[in-house]
């Protein structure tokens, strides 16, 4: 699971880099339709999961946009960033990347510790926080607080108050999309389902009391977020 998660992240980044290069060099122009998922799988030699992760990240960064019933099309990323981000949001991107870097180290280890130290009640609390997030996604409601509660529940499951104190210090600000309310991904169902799926992998590793898998699942979760915000920074 650990090797697969890290490998999938690398493959997704390769697909992103190649599609983005095609867009930026004009091989794929604004308004062009991307190949279908099966075609992309065959072209890049990757799984459907990898293709979907890459498209989700390109979509979050404004490089592509889906049109229901038709497919995924090349968008204008410059126009997207100008329309989507406020000056305050643009200034907060570097801080967001620094925070994600810090959280990767701290929460990666917290997840590993929680995997072998958590009680049944603490595991249930993590599970409940993630269940609540799934309900909010389904209802089309804000998920930042539920997302934060999931990470707080993991910190509590370390039974080390310093992990809790650190995350409490940042508060819901630790969840990046809460700082970028005008970004489409803040309320995008497909994107939020992807975040939820990453949470499920973390929860599964903690429930199985597999520290290394929990550590790597949390790191993969943070790396995916870093990748999205780095692309966003490059557009400014």
Protein backbone atom coordinates (compact mmCIF):
# COMPACT_ATOMS: atom_id res chain seq x y z
CA UNK A 1 0.00 0.00 0.00
CA UNK A 2 2.80 2.40 0.90
CA UNK A 3 4.75 1.72 -2.27
CA UNK A 4 1.60 1.94 -4.37
CA UNK A 5 0.60 5.29 -2.83
CA UNK A 6 4.00 6.84 -3.45
CA UNK A 7 4.20 5.36 -6.94
CA UNK A 8 0.75 6.65 -7.83
CA UNK A 9 1.71 10.16 -6.70
CA UNK A 10 4.81 10.11 -8.93
CA UNK A 11 2.86 8.79 -11.92
CA UNK A 12 0.13 11.38 -11.45
CA UNK A 13 2.78 14.12 -11.40
CA UNK A 14 4.26 12.78 -14.65
CA UNK A 15 0.86 12.87 -16.35
CA UNK A 16 0.25 16.39 -15.02
CA UNK A 17 3.64 17.60 -16.26
CA UNK A 18 3.13 16.17 -19.75
CA UNK A 19 -0.43 17.42 -20.19
CA UNK A 20 0.50 20.80 -18.82
CA UNK A 21 3.44 21.02 -21.23
CA UNK A 22 1.12 20.22 -24.14
CA UNK A 23 -1.22 22.99 -23.01
CA UNK A 24 1.52 25.56 -22.47
CA UNK A 25 3.23 24.83 -25.81
CA UNK A 26 -0.04 25.00 -27.73
CA UNK A 27 -0.25 21.33 -28.66
CA UNK A 28 -3.50 21.42 -26.74
CA UNK A 29 -5.24 24.75 -27.17
CA UNK A 30 -7.93 26.47 -25.13
CA UNK A 31 -11.21 24.76 -25.98
CA UNK A 32 -9.63 21.50 -27.16
CA UNK A 33 -11.08 18.33 -25.72
CA UNK A 34 -8.71 16.06 -23.81
CA UNK A 35 -8.55 12.40 -24.82
CA UNK A 36 -10.89 10.10 -22.93
CA UNK A 37 -9.77 8.36 -19.73
CA UNK A 38 -9.10 5.05 -21.54
CA UNK A 39 -7.09 6.90 -24.18
CA UNK A 40 -5.01 8.69 -21.53
CA UNK A 41 -4.45 5.41 -19.71
CA UNK A 42 -3.11 3.86 -22.90
CA UNK A 43 -1.02 6.90 -23.85
CA UNK A 44 0.72 7.21 -20.50
CA UNK A 45 0.62 3.56 -19.47
CA UNK A 46 -1.05 4.31 -16.14
CA UNK A 47 -4.20 3.29 -14.27
CA UNK A 48 -7.54 5.06 -14.33
CA UNK A 49 -6.95 6.19 -10.73
CA UNK A 50 -3.74 7.96 -11.76
CA UNK A 51 -5.46 9.64 -14.70
CA UNK A 52 -8.30 10.85 -12.49
CA UNK A 53 -5.88 12.25 -9.89
CA UNK A 54 -3.95 14.11 -12.57
CA UNK A 55 -7.11 15.55 -14.15
CA UNK A 56 -8.43 16.56 -10.72
CA UNK A 57 -5.25 18.50 -10.00
CA UNK A 58 -5.19 20.15 -13.43
CA UNK A 59 -8.81 21.07 -12.93
CA UNK A 60 -8.10 22.57 -9.50
CA UNK A 61 -5.32 24.68 -11.02
CA UNK A 62 -7.62 25.87 -13.81
CA UNK A 63 -5.88 24.16 -16.73
CA UNK A 64 -8.89 22.06 -17.70
CA UNK A 65 -12.63 22.11 -17.09
CA UNK A 66 -15.21 19.32 -17.38
CA UNK A 67 -18.44 19.78 -19.32
CA UNK A 68 -21.10 17.33 -18.23
CA UNK A 69 -21.94 14.78 -20.87
CA UNK A 70 -19.19 15.98 -23.21
CA UNK A 71 -15.79 15.49 -21.58
CA UNK A 72 -12.85 17.50 -20.26
CA UNK A 73 -11.65 20.58 -22.15
CA UNK A 74 -8.61 22.85 -21.99
CA UNK A 75 -9.33 26.04 -20.07
CA UNK A 76 -7.38 29.29 -19.93
CA UNK A 77 -5.39 28.99 -16.67
CA UNK A 78 -4.39 32.67 -16.67
CA UNK A 79 -7.98 33.80 -16.99
CA UNK A 80 -8.95 31.27 -14.34
CA UNK A 81 -6.44 32.52 -11.80
CA UNK A 82 -7.31 36.16 -12.39
CA UNK A 83 -11.01 35.47 -11.94
CA UNK A 84 -10.62 33.12 -9.01
CA UNK A 85 -8.04 34.53 -6.65
CA UNK A 86 -8.21 37.70 -4.59
CA UNK A 87 -5.01 39.62 -3.74
CA UNK A 88 -5.18 38.26 -0.18
CA UNK A 89 -5.43 34.69 -1.47
CA UNK A 90 -2.47 35.18 -3.82
CA UNK A 91 -0.32 36.47 -0.95
CA UNK A 92 -1.25 33.50 1.22
CA UNK A 93 0.00 30.83 -1.24
CA UNK A 94 3.65 30.80 0.01
CA UNK A 95 2.50 30.51 3.63
CA UNK A 96 0.13 27.69 2.65
CA UNK A 97 2.99 25.75 1.05
CA UNK A 98 5.17 26.26 4.14
CA UNK A 99 2.36 25.06 6.40
CA UNK A 100 1.79 21.96 4.27
CA UNK A 101 5.51 21.18 4.43
CA UNK A 102 5.41 21.43 8.22
CA UNK A 103 2.22 19.40 8.48
CA UNK A 104 3.68 16.65 6.31
CA UNK A 105 6.41 16.07 8.86
CA UNK A 106 4.31 16.53 11.98
CA UNK A 107 1.12 14.81 10.88
CA UNK A 108 2.89 12.02 9.04
CA UNK A 109 4.48 11.03 12.33
CA UNK A 110 1.24 11.63 14.23
CA UNK A 111 -0.58 9.20 11.95
CA UNK A 112 2.12 6.58 12.51
CA UNK A 113 1.96 6.98 16.29
CA UNK A 114 -1.84 6.92 16.25
CA UNK A 115 -1.72 3.63 14.35
CA UNK A 116 -0.09 1.79 17.25
CA UNK A 117 -1.27 3.90 20.20
CA UNK A 118 -4.91 4.73 19.48
CA UNK A 119 -7.70 3.31 21.61
CA UNK A 120 -10.91 1.85 20.18
CA UNK A 121 -12.73 5.05 21.19
CA UNK A 122 -10.15 7.22 19.45
CA UNK A 123 -10.37 5.15 16.29
CA UNK A 124 -14.14 5.56 16.41
CA UNK A 125 -13.71 9.34 16.72
CA UNK A 126 -11.49 9.44 13.61
CA UNK A 127 -14.01 7.31 11.74
CA UNK A 128 -16.91 9.52 12.84
CA UNK A 129 -15.14 12.70 11.71
CA UNK A 130 -14.59 11.20 8.27
CA UNK A 131 -18.19 9.95 8.11
CA UNK A 132 -19.36 13.47 8.90
CA UNK A 133 -17.23 14.87 6.09
CA UNK A 134 -18.78 12.37 3.65
CA UNK A 135 -22.25 13.51 4.72
CA UNK A 136 -21.39 17.17 4.15
CA UNK A 137 -19.95 16.43 0.70
CA UNK A 138 -23.14 14.59 -0.20
CA UNK A 139 -25.24 17.51 1.06
CA UNK A 140 -23.13 20.09 -0.79
CA UNK A 141 -22.18 21.85 2.43
CA UNK A 142 -18.90 23.28 3.74
CA UNK A 143 -16.41 20.61 4.80
CA UNK A 144 -13.46 22.56 6.22
CA UNK A 145 -14.44 22.10 9.88
CA UNK A 146 -15.11 18.37 9.40
CA UNK A 147 -11.78 17.99 7.60
CA UNK A 148 -10.02 19.73 10.48
CA UNK A 149 -11.87 17.52 12.99
CA UNK A 150 -10.53 14.43 11.19
CA UNK A 151 -6.95 15.62 11.54
CA UNK A 152 -7.53 16.70 15.15
CA UNK A 153 -8.91 13.25 15.98
CA UNK A 154 -5.72 11.68 14.64
CA UNK A 155 -3.60 14.09 16.69
CA UNK A 156 -5.62 13.15 19.80
CA UNK A 157 -5.08 9.45 19.04
CA UNK A 158 -1.31 9.91 19.48
CA UNK A 159 -2.01 10.47 23.18
CA UNK A 160 0.70 13.12 23.02
CA UNK A 161 -0.66 16.57 23.83
CA UNK A 162 1.97 18.39 21.77
CA UNK A 163 0.53 17.07 18.49
CA UNK A 164 -2.88 18.32 19.59
CA UNK A 165 -1.47 21.69 20.69
CA UNK A 166 0.30 22.24 17.38
CA UNK A 167 -2.76 21.53 15.26
CA UNK A 168 -4.99 23.51 17.60
CA UNK A 169 -2.63 26.48 17.22
CA UNK A 170 -3.35 26.62 13.48
CA UNK A 171 -7.04 25.87 13.84
CA UNK A 172 -9.15 25.37 10.73
CA UNK A 173 -6.58 27.50 8.88
CA UNK A 174 -4.60 24.25 8.63
CA UNK A 175 -7.03 23.18 5.90
CA UNK A 176 -5.80 25.07 2.81
CA UNK A 177 -9.05 25.38 0.88
CA UNK A 178 -10.51 27.31 3.82
CA UNK A 179 -8.05 30.08 2.94
CA UNK A 180 -9.04 30.07 -0.74
CA UNK A 181 -12.86 30.35 -0.75
CA UNK A 182 -13.00 31.61 -4.33
CA UNK A 183 -11.19 28.59 -5.75
CA UNK A 184 -13.57 26.17 -7.52
CA UNK A 185 -12.15 23.25 -5.55
CA UNK A 186 -13.39 24.77 -2.28
CA UNK A 187 -16.83 23.39 -3.06
CA UNK A 188 -16.09 21.00 -5.92
CA UNK A 189 -17.69 17.62 -5.27
CA UNK A 190 -15.19 15.58 -7.31
CA UNK A 191 -12.23 17.24 -5.62
CA UNK A 192 -13.74 16.76 -2.15
CA UNK A 193 -14.44 13.10 -2.90
CA UNK A 194 -10.74 12.73 -3.72
CA UNK A 195 -9.78 14.31 -0.39
CA UNK A 196 -12.22 11.97 1.35
CA UNK A 197 -10.69 8.96 -0.40
CA UNK A 198 -7.25 10.03 0.85
CA UNK A 199 -8.69 10.21 4.36
CA UNK A 200 -10.08 6.69 3.98
CA UNK A 201 -6.57 5.39 3.19
CA UNK A 202 -5.17 7.08 6.31
CA UNK A 203 -8.01 5.76 8.47
CA UNK A 204 -7.62 2.24 7.08
CA UNK A 205 -3.92 2.17 7.98
CA UNK A 206 -4.59 3.46 11.50
CA UNK A 207 -7.39 0.92 11.99
CA UNK A 208 -5.05 -1.85 10.82
CA UNK A 209 -2.38 -0.61 13.26
CA UNK A 210 0.12 -0.22 10.43
CA UNK A 211 2.34 2.77 11.36
CA UNK A 212 4.40 2.92 8.17
CA UNK A 213 1.35 2.72 5.93
CA UNK A 214 -0.37 5.41 8.02
CA UNK A 215 2.70 7.66 7.78
CA UNK A 216 2.94 7.29 4.01
CA UNK A 217 -0.81 7.70 3.48
CA UNK A 218 -0.71 10.99 5.38
CA UNK A 219 2.37 12.13 3.47
CA UNK A 220 0.68 11.27 0.17
CA UNK A 221 -2.34 13.31 1.30
CA UNK A 222 -0.13 16.34 2.01
CA UNK A 223 1.93 15.90 -1.15
CA UNK A 224 -1.22 15.95 -3.27
CA UNK A 225 -2.22 19.22 -1.67
CA UNK A 226 1.27 20.68 -2.09
CA UNK A 227 1.22 19.77 -5.76
CA UNK A 228 -2.04 21.61 -6.33
CA UNK A 229 -0.93 24.79 -4.59
CA UNK A 230 2.48 24.80 -6.27
CA UNK A 231 0.73 24.78 -9.64
CA UNK A 232 -1.44 27.61 -8.40
CA UNK A 233 1.63 29.61 -7.33
CA UNK A 234 3.26 29.17 -10.74
CA UNK A 235 0.28 30.79 -12.42
CA UNK A 236 0.53 34.05 -10.49
